[in-house]
C-alpha atoms as a PDB file:
ATOM      1  CA  MET A   1     212.356 235.402  45.664  1.00  0.00           C
ATOM      2  CA  THR A   2     215.142 234.081  47.880  1.00  0.00           C
ATOM      3  CA  PHE A   3     212.952 234.747  50.933  1.00  0.00           C
ATOM      4  CA  LEU A   4     210.087 232.762  49.401  1.00  0.00           C
ATOM      5  CA  LYS A   5     212.425 229.872  48.605  1.00  0.00           C
ATOM      6  CA  HIS A   6     213.658 229.804  52.211  1.00  0.00           C
ATOM      7  CA  LEU A   7     210.079 230.017  53.497  1.00  0.00           C
ATOM      8  CA  TYR A   8     208.995 227.201  51.204  1.00  0.00           C
ATOM      9  CA  GLY A   9     212.008 225.133  52.255  1.00  0.00           C
ATOM     10  CA  ASP A  10     211.276 225.657  55.978  1.00  0.00           C
ATOM     11  CA  LEU A  11     207.582 224.822  55.501  1.00  0.00           C
ATOM     12  CA  LYS A  12     208.452 221.687  53.551  1.00  0.00           C
ATOM     13  CA  ALA A  13     210.883 220.589  56.248  1.00  0.00           C
ATOM     14  CA  HIS A  14     208.320 221.146  59.016  1.00  0.00           C
ATOM     15  CA  LEU A  15     205.660 219.219  57.110  1.00  0.00           C
ATOM     16  CA  LEU A  16     208.104 216.354  56.559  1.00  0.00           C
ATOM     17  CA  VAL A  17     208.983 216.222  60.268  1.00  0.00           C
ATOM     18  CA  LEU A  18     205.296 216.387  61.220  1.00  0.00           C
ATOM     19  CA  SER A  19     204.450 213.646  58.737  1.00  0.00           C
ATOM     20  CA  LEU A  20     207.216 211.372  60.024  1.00  0.00           C
ATOM     21  CA  TYR A  21     206.224 212.009  63.635  1.00  0.00           C
ATOM     22  CA  SER A  22     202.562 211.276  62.917  1.00  0.00           C
ATOM     23  CA  SER A  23     203.461 208.100  61.063  1.00  0.00           C
ATOM     24  CA  LYS A  24     205.660 206.983  63.942  1.00  0.00           C
ATOM     25  CA  VAL A  25     202.969 207.634  66.555  1.00  0.00           C
ATOM     26  CA  PHE A  26     200.329 205.856  64.441  1.00  0.00           C
ATOM     27  CA  SER A  27     202.658 202.923  63.835  1.00  0.00           C
ATOM     28  CA  GLU A  28     203.455 202.582  67.550  1.00  0.00           C
ATOM     29  CA  ASN A  29     199.794 202.761  68.546  1.00  0.00           C
ATOM     30  CA  PHE A  30     198.774 200.362  65.787  1.00  0.00           C
ATOM     31  CA  SER A  31     201.459 197.868  66.760  1.00  0.00           C
ATOM     32  CA  TYR A  32     200.623 197.946  70.483  1.00  0.00           C
ATOM     33  CA  THR A  33     196.861 197.868  70.034  1.00  0.00           C
ATOM     34  CA  ALA A  34     196.852 195.222  67.316  1.00  0.00           C
ATOM     35  CA  CYS A  35     199.420 193.017  69.073  1.00  0.00           C
ATOM     36  CA  ARG A  36     197.565 193.091  72.355  1.00  0.00           C
ATOM     37  CA  GLN A  37     194.032 192.631  71.067  1.00  0.00           C
ATOM     38  CA  LEU A  38     194.853 190.085  68.365  1.00  0.00           C
ATOM     39  CA  SER A  39     197.111 188.049  70.657  1.00  0.00           C
ATOM     40  CA  GLN A  40     194.300 187.919  73.226  1.00  0.00           C
ATOM     41  CA  MET A  41     191.912 186.839  70.475  1.00  0.00           C
ATOM     42  CA  PHE A  42     194.113 184.045  69.124  1.00  0.00           C
ATOM     43  CA  LEU A  43     194.987 182.786  72.615  1.00  0.00           C
ATOM     44  CA  ALA A  44     191.286 182.725  73.524  1.00  0.00           C
ATOM     45  CA  ILE A  45     190.452 180.741  70.375  1.00  0.00           C
ATOM     46  CA  ILE A  46     193.335 178.273  70.757  1.00  0.00           C
ATOM     47  CA  PHE A  47     192.591 177.648  74.436  1.00  0.00           C
ATOM     48  CA  PHE A  48     188.851 177.260  73.915  1.00  0.00           C
ATOM     49  CA  HIS A  49     189.023 174.700  71.138  1.00  0.00           C
ATOM     50  CA  SER A  50     192.006 172.708  72.362  1.00  0.00           C
ATOM     51  CA  SER A  51     190.583 172.466  75.890  1.00  0.00           C
ATOM     52  CA  GLU A  52     187.212 171.283  74.521  1.00  0.00           C
ATOM     53  CA  TYR A  53     188.937 168.407  72.770  1.00  0.00           C
ATOM     54  CA  VAL A  54     191.282 167.532  75.641  1.00  0.00           C
ATOM     55  CA  ILE A  55     188.478 167.485  78.217  1.00  0.00           C
ATOM     56  CA  ALA A  56     186.272 165.363  75.949  1.00  0.00           C
ATOM     57  CA  VAL A  57     189.121 162.854  75.506  1.00  0.00           C
ATOM     58  CA  ASN A  58     189.709 162.694  79.270  1.00  0.00           C
ATOM     59  CA  ILE A  59     186.016 162.120  79.942  1.00  0.00           C
ATOM     60  CA  HIS A  60     185.089 159.675  77.181  1.00  0.00           C
ATOM     61  CA  GLY A  61     188.422 158.266  76.021  1.00  0.00           C
ATOM     62  CA  ARG A  62     190.266 159.020  72.817  1.00  0.00           C
ATOM     63  CA  SER A  63     188.599 156.231  70.843  1.00  0.00           C
ATOM     64  CA  ASN A  64     185.171 157.754  71.505  1.00  0.00           C
ATOM     65  CA  VAL A  65     186.058 161.332  70.539  1.00  0.00           C
ATOM     66  CA  THR A  66     186.441 162.748  67.027  1.00  0.00           C
ATOM     67  CA  LEU A  67     187.836 166.008  65.716  1.00  0.00           C
ATOM     68  CA  LYS A  68     184.272 167.352  65.821  1.00  0.00           C
ATOM     69  CA  SER A  69     184.954 167.988  69.506  1.00  0.00           C
ATOM     70  CA  LEU A  70     187.225 170.840  68.420  1.00  0.00           C
ATOM     71  CA  LEU A  71     183.946 172.612  67.524  1.00  0.00           C
ATOM     72  CA  ILE A  72     185.349 174.123  64.334  1.00  0.00           C
ATOM     73  CA  SER A  73     182.975 174.314  61.378  1.00  0.00           C
ATOM     74  CA  LYS A  74     183.030 176.128  58.038  1.00  0.00           C
ATOM     75  CA  ALA A  75     180.424 178.601  59.279  1.00  0.00           C
ATOM     76  CA  TYR A  76     182.500 179.254  62.407  1.00  0.00           C
ATOM     77  CA  LEU A  77     185.678 179.847  60.388  1.00  0.00           C
ATOM     78  CA  LEU A  78     183.813 182.205  58.064  1.00  0.00           C
ATOM     79  CA  ALA A  79     182.498 184.185  61.033  1.00  0.00           C
ATOM     80  CA  MET A  80     185.967 184.515  62.541  1.00  0.00           C
ATOM     81  CA  VAL A  81     187.498 185.572  59.217  1.00  0.00           C
ATOM     82  CA  CYS A  82     184.796 188.237  58.808  1.00  0.00           C
ATOM     83  CA  SER A  83     185.470 189.512  62.322  1.00  0.00           C
ATOM     84  CA  LEU A  84     189.199 189.844  61.551  1.00  0.00           C
ATOM     85  CA  LEU A  85     188.458 191.655  58.288  1.00  0.00           C
ATOM     86  CA  GLU A  86     186.298 194.097  60.223  1.00  0.00           C
ATOM     87  CA  TYR A  87     189.057 194.545  62.787  1.00  0.00           C
ATOM     88  CA  PHE A  88     191.754 195.378  60.230  1.00  0.00           C
ATOM     89  CA  ALA A  89     189.459 197.700  58.281  1.00  0.00           C
ATOM     90  CA  GLU A  90     188.451 199.632  61.393  1.00  0.00           C
ATOM     91  CA  ILE A  91     191.925 199.893  62.896  1.00  0.00           C
ATOM     92  CA  VAL A  92     193.060 201.586  59.669  1.00  0.00           C
ATOM     93  CA  LEU A  93     189.983 203.755  59.084  1.00  0.00           C
ATOM     94  CA  PHE A  94     188.937 204.401  62.702  1.00  0.00           C
ATOM     95  CA  PRO A  95     191.979 203.651  64.904  1.00  0.00           C
ATOM     96  CA  GLY A  96     190.479 205.555  67.834  1.00  0.00           C
ATOM     97  CA  LEU A  97     187.663 203.000  68.004  1.00  0.00           C
ATOM     98  CA  LYS A  98     190.126 200.290  69.022  1.00  0.00           C
ATOM     99  CA  GLU A  99     191.621 202.450  71.784  1.00  0.00           C
ATOM    100  CA  ILE A 100     188.541 202.339  74.019  1.00  0.00           C
ATOM    101  CA  TRP A 101     190.237 200.045  76.491  1.00  0.00           C
ATOM    102  CA  TRP A 102     187.424 199.763  79.022  1.00  0.00           C
ATOM    103  CA  ILE A 103     185.304 198.186  76.282  1.00  0.00           C
ATOM    104  CA  SER A 104     188.125 195.896  75.148  1.00  0.00           C
ATOM    105  CA  ASN A 105     188.866 194.841  78.728  1.00  0.00           C
ATOM    106  CA  SER A 106     185.154 194.197  79.342  1.00  0.00           C
ATOM    107  CA  GLY A 107     185.233 191.830  76.388  1.00  0.00           C
ATOM    108  CA  LEU A 108     188.291 190.089  77.803  1.00  0.00           C
ATOM    109  CA  ALA A 109     186.456 189.652  81.112  1.00  0.00           C
ATOM    110  CA  MET A 110     183.491 188.140  79.231  1.00  0.00           C
ATOM    111  CA  VAL A 111     185.822 185.696  77.469  1.00  0.00           C
ATOM    112  CA  VAL A 112     187.225 184.530  80.815  1.00  0.00           C
ATOM    113  CA  ILE A 113     183.798 184.331  82.485  1.00  0.00           C
ATOM    114  CA  GLY A 114     182.321 182.474  79.528  1.00  0.00           C
ATOM    115  CA  GLU A 115     185.172 179.951  79.614  1.00  0.00           C
ATOM    116  CA  ILE A 116     184.761 179.389  83.349  1.00  0.00           C
ATOM    117  CA  ILE A 117     181.003 178.849  83.054  1.00  0.00           C
ATOM    118  CA  ARG A 118     181.312 176.456  80.124  1.00  0.00           C
ATOM    119  CA  LYS A 119     184.189 174.403  81.482  1.00  0.00           C
ATOM    120  CA  THR A 120     182.555 174.218  84.911  1.00  0.00           C
ATOM    121  CA  ALA A 121     179.428 172.870  83.209  1.00  0.00           C
ATOM    122  CA  ILE A 122     181.379 170.249  81.266  1.00  0.00           C
ATOM    123  CA  LEU A 123     183.355 169.038  84.275  1.00  0.00           C
ATOM    124  CA  THR A 124     180.231 168.960  86.457  1.00  0.00           C
ATOM    125  CA  ALA A 125     178.279 166.913  83.899  1.00  0.00           C
ATOM    126  CA  GLY A 126     181.171 164.484  83.428  1.00  0.00           C
ATOM    127  CA  ARG A 127     180.187 161.484  81.291  1.00  0.00           C
ATOM    128  CA  SER A 128     176.733 162.965  80.768  1.00  0.00           C
ATOM    129  CA  PHE A 129     178.372 165.690  78.696  1.00  0.00           C
ATOM    130  CA  THR A 130     178.731 165.288  74.933  1.00  0.00           C
ATOM    131  CA  HIS A 131     179.317 167.740  72.101  1.00  0.00           C
ATOM    132  CA  LEU A 132     176.601 166.023  70.055  1.00  0.00           C
ATOM    133  CA  ILE A 133     172.979 165.836  71.184  1.00  0.00           C
ATOM    134  CA  LYS A 134     172.102 162.362  72.387  1.00  0.00           C
ATOM    135  CA  VAL A 135     169.014 160.944  70.697  1.00  0.00           C
ATOM    136  CA  TYR A 136     169.206 157.603  72.524  1.00  0.00           C
ATOM    137  CA  HIS A 137     169.322 157.175  76.285  1.00  0.00           C
ATOM    138  CA  GLU A 138     172.549 155.522  77.352  1.00  0.00           C
ATOM    139  CA  GLU A 139     173.301 154.009  80.750  1.00  0.00           C
ATOM    140  CA  ASP A 140     175.846 156.651  81.765  1.00  0.00           C
ATOM    141  CA  HIS A 141     173.592 159.547  80.734  1.00  0.00           C
ATOM    142  CA  LYS A 142     172.262 161.030  83.973  1.00  0.00           C
ATOM    143  CA  LEU A 143     170.181 164.127  84.571  1.00  0.00           C
ATOM    144  CA  VAL A 144     172.610 166.566  86.195  1.00  0.00           C
ATOM    145  CA  THR A 145     170.941 169.086  88.509  1.00  0.00           C
ATOM    146  CA  HIS A 146     173.705 169.853  90.996  1.00  0.00           C
ATOM    147  CA  GLY A 147     176.524 172.416  90.941  1.00  0.00           C
ATOM    148  CA  ILE A 148     176.122 175.083  88.279  1.00  0.00           C
ATOM    149  CA  TYR A 149     173.116 173.166  86.902  1.00  0.00           C
ATOM    150  CA  ARG A 150     171.168 174.193  89.983  1.00  0.00           C
ATOM    151  CA  TYR A 151     171.085 177.734  88.571  1.00  0.00           C
ATOM    152  CA  ILE A 152     171.276 177.251  84.762  1.00  0.00           C
ATOM    153  CA  ARG A 153     169.877 174.364  82.697  1.00  0.00           C
ATOM    154  CA  HIS A 154     172.303 174.880  79.830  1.00  0.00           C
ATOM    155  CA  PRO A 155     175.414 176.516  81.308  1.00  0.00           C
ATOM    156  CA  GLY A 156     177.569 175.204  78.462  1.00  0.00           C
ATOM    157  CA  TYR A 157     175.498 177.139  75.940  1.00  0.00           C
ATOM    158  CA  SER A 158     175.331 180.178  78.187  1.00  0.00           C
ATOM    159  CA  GLY A 159     179.102 180.140  78.584  1.00  0.00           C
ATOM    160  CA  PHE A 160     179.691 179.866  74.848  1.00  0.00           C
ATOM    161  CA  LEU A 161     177.316 182.741  74.111  1.00  0.00           C
ATOM    162  CA  ILE A 162     179.165 184.962  76.593  1.00  0.00           C
ATOM    163  CA  TRP A 163     182.552 183.808  75.282  1.00  0.00           C
ATOM    164  CA  SER A 164     181.794 184.318  71.590  1.00  0.00           C
ATOM    165  CA  VAL A 165     180.278 187.787  72.002  1.00  0.00           C
ATOM    166  CA  GLY A 166     183.122 188.664  74.378  1.00  0.00           C
ATOM    167  CA  THR A 167     185.735 187.949  71.711  1.00  0.00           C
ATOM    168  CA  GLN A 168     184.216 190.649  69.502  1.00  0.00           C
ATOM    169  CA  ILE A 169     183.811 193.185  72.282  1.00  0.00           C
ATOM    170  CA  MET A 170     187.450 192.521  73.140  1.00  0.00           C
ATOM    171  CA  LEU A 171     188.364 193.515  69.565  1.00  0.00           C
ATOM    172  CA  CYS A 172     186.023 196.541  69.713  1.00  0.00           C
ATOM    173  CA  ASN A 173     184.200 195.172  66.658  1.00  0.00           C
ATOM    174  CA  PRO A 174     180.705 196.749  66.772  1.00  0.00           C
ATOM    175  CA  ILE A 175     179.355 194.987  63.659  1.00  0.00           C
ATOM    176  CA  SER A 176     180.646 191.528  64.591  1.00  0.00           C
ATOM    177  CA  THR A 177     179.513 191.960  68.191  1.00  0.00           C
ATOM    178  CA  ILE A 178     175.914 192.394  67.045  1.00  0.00           C
ATOM    179  CA  ALA A 179     176.234 189.687  64.372  1.00  0.00           C
ATOM    180  CA  PHE A 180     177.748 187.131  66.778  1.00  0.00           C
ATOM    181  CA  ALA A 181     175.105 187.845  69.420  1.00  0.00           C
ATOM    182  CA  ILE A 182     172.260 187.341  66.935  1.00  0.00           C
ATOM    183  CA  ILE A 183     173.704 184.290  65.164  1.00  0.00           C
ATOM    184  CA  VAL A 184     174.809 182.401  68.294  1.00  0.00           C
ATOM    185  CA  TRP A 185     171.562 183.223  70.103  1.00  0.00           C
ATOM    186  CA  HIS A 186     169.515 182.018  67.126  1.00  0.00           C
ATOM    187  CA  PHE A 187     171.537 178.793  67.007  1.00  0.00           C
ATOM    188  CA  PHE A 188     170.722 178.011  70.635  1.00  0.00           C
ATOM    189  CA  TYR A 189     167.134 179.193  70.186  1.00  0.00           C
ATOM    190  CA  LYS A 190     166.747 176.321  67.707  1.00  0.00           C
ATOM    191  CA  ARG A 191     169.023 173.803  69.455  1.00  0.00           C
ATOM    192  CA  ILE A 192     167.691 173.989  73.013  1.00  0.00           C
ATOM    193  CA  PRO A 193     164.076 172.933  72.255  1.00  0.00           C
ATOM    194  CA  TYR A 194     165.411 170.108  70.058  1.00  0.00           C
ATOM    195  CA  GLU A 195     167.713 168.865  72.824  1.00  0.00           C
ATOM    196  CA  GLU A 196     165.067 169.217  75.494  1.00  0.00           C
ATOM    197  CA  PHE A 197     162.643 167.112  73.452  1.00  0.00           C
ATOM    198  CA  PHE A 198     164.963 164.137  73.996  1.00  0.00           C
ATOM    199  CA  LEU A 199     165.666 165.055  77.622  1.00  0.00           C
ATOM    200  CA  ARG A 200     161.942 164.922  78.296  1.00  0.00           C
ATOM    201  CA  GLN A 201     161.819 161.554  76.563  1.00  0.00           C
ATOM    202  CA  PHE A 202     164.686 160.263  78.708  1.00  0.00           C
ATOM    203  CA  PHE A 203     163.767 161.682  82.116  1.00  0.00           C
ATOM    204  CA  GLY A 204     160.039 162.456  81.881  1.00  0.00           C
ATOM    205  CA  SER A 205     158.456 164.370  84.757  1.00  0.00           C
ATOM    206  CA  GLU A 206     161.819 164.691  86.515  1.00  0.00           C
ATOM    207  CA  TYR A 207     163.068 166.924  83.725  1.00  0.00           C
ATOM    208  CA  GLU A 208     159.744 168.773  83.457  1.00  0.00           C
ATOM    209  CA  GLU A 209     159.960 169.786  87.122  1.00  0.00           C
ATOM    210  CA  TYR A 210     163.609 170.765  86.748  1.00  0.00           C
ATOM    211  CA  ALA A 211     162.916 172.874  83.629  1.00  0.00           C
ATOM    212  CA  GLN A 212     160.123 174.752  85.375  1.00  0.00           C
ATOM    213  CA  LEU A 213     162.382 175.740  88.273  1.00  0.00           C
ATOM    214  CA  VAL A 214     165.668 176.514  86.488  1.00  0.00           C
ATOM    215  CA  PRO A 215     166.114 178.997  83.587  1.00  0.00           C
ATOM    216  CA  SER A 216     167.832 177.914  80.364  1.00  0.00           C
ATOM    217  CA  GLY A 217     170.683 180.403  80.741  1.00  0.00           C
ATOM    218  CA  VAL A 218     170.140 181.815  77.242  1.00  0.00           C
ATOM    219  CA  PRO A 219     168.142 185.082  77.127  1.00  0.00           C
ATOM    220  CA  PHE A 220     164.549 184.778  75.876  1.00  0.00           C
ATOM    221  CA  VAL A 221     164.778 180.997  75.600  1.00  0.00           C
ATOM    222  CA  LYS A 222     162.529 179.221  78.101  1.00  0.00           C
END
């Protein structure tokens, strides 16, 4: 009986040590992974939206720019909240999924590339750039076909698509990655033809020739 008590006591002690060790390892991994990936996510979001507003103000003047240039809508906030809920659920249930660093780093690279493409497009377009589609032709609205526009008709949209999907790959969020890709693509699938209707009205055959030579920059959108 005494032997069994000692054996039970030793087994209990070993299980306690193992449990504490496992908890410590999980806590350390969770803290490092979550801190790195979430900090990258929040920095990407803050930089993207604040820079959109600041650049718009510098181009058009503060009196001509509203908070809409932050590009934050209810649908956008809902999508980001859902992506964070997925992240926290998966890091608890499937922590190994978040440790695939080559995938996470690929997403980070996409975020950077998407930012560069979009901001290059905005700075190249200058005063011809607006966050809202122009339905009336203004004097300072020129057809921009140089720089990055020589290779992509809508580099701003292309950059945002890459950026938004990249944020979810960076978090190793499989569900949100697919959802963001579909939703953002569908948004531009509807927006590009609408915008190009007015561009054809403004610039006529000049835009027709340009559109035939240069791809839209969004997959499967002519």
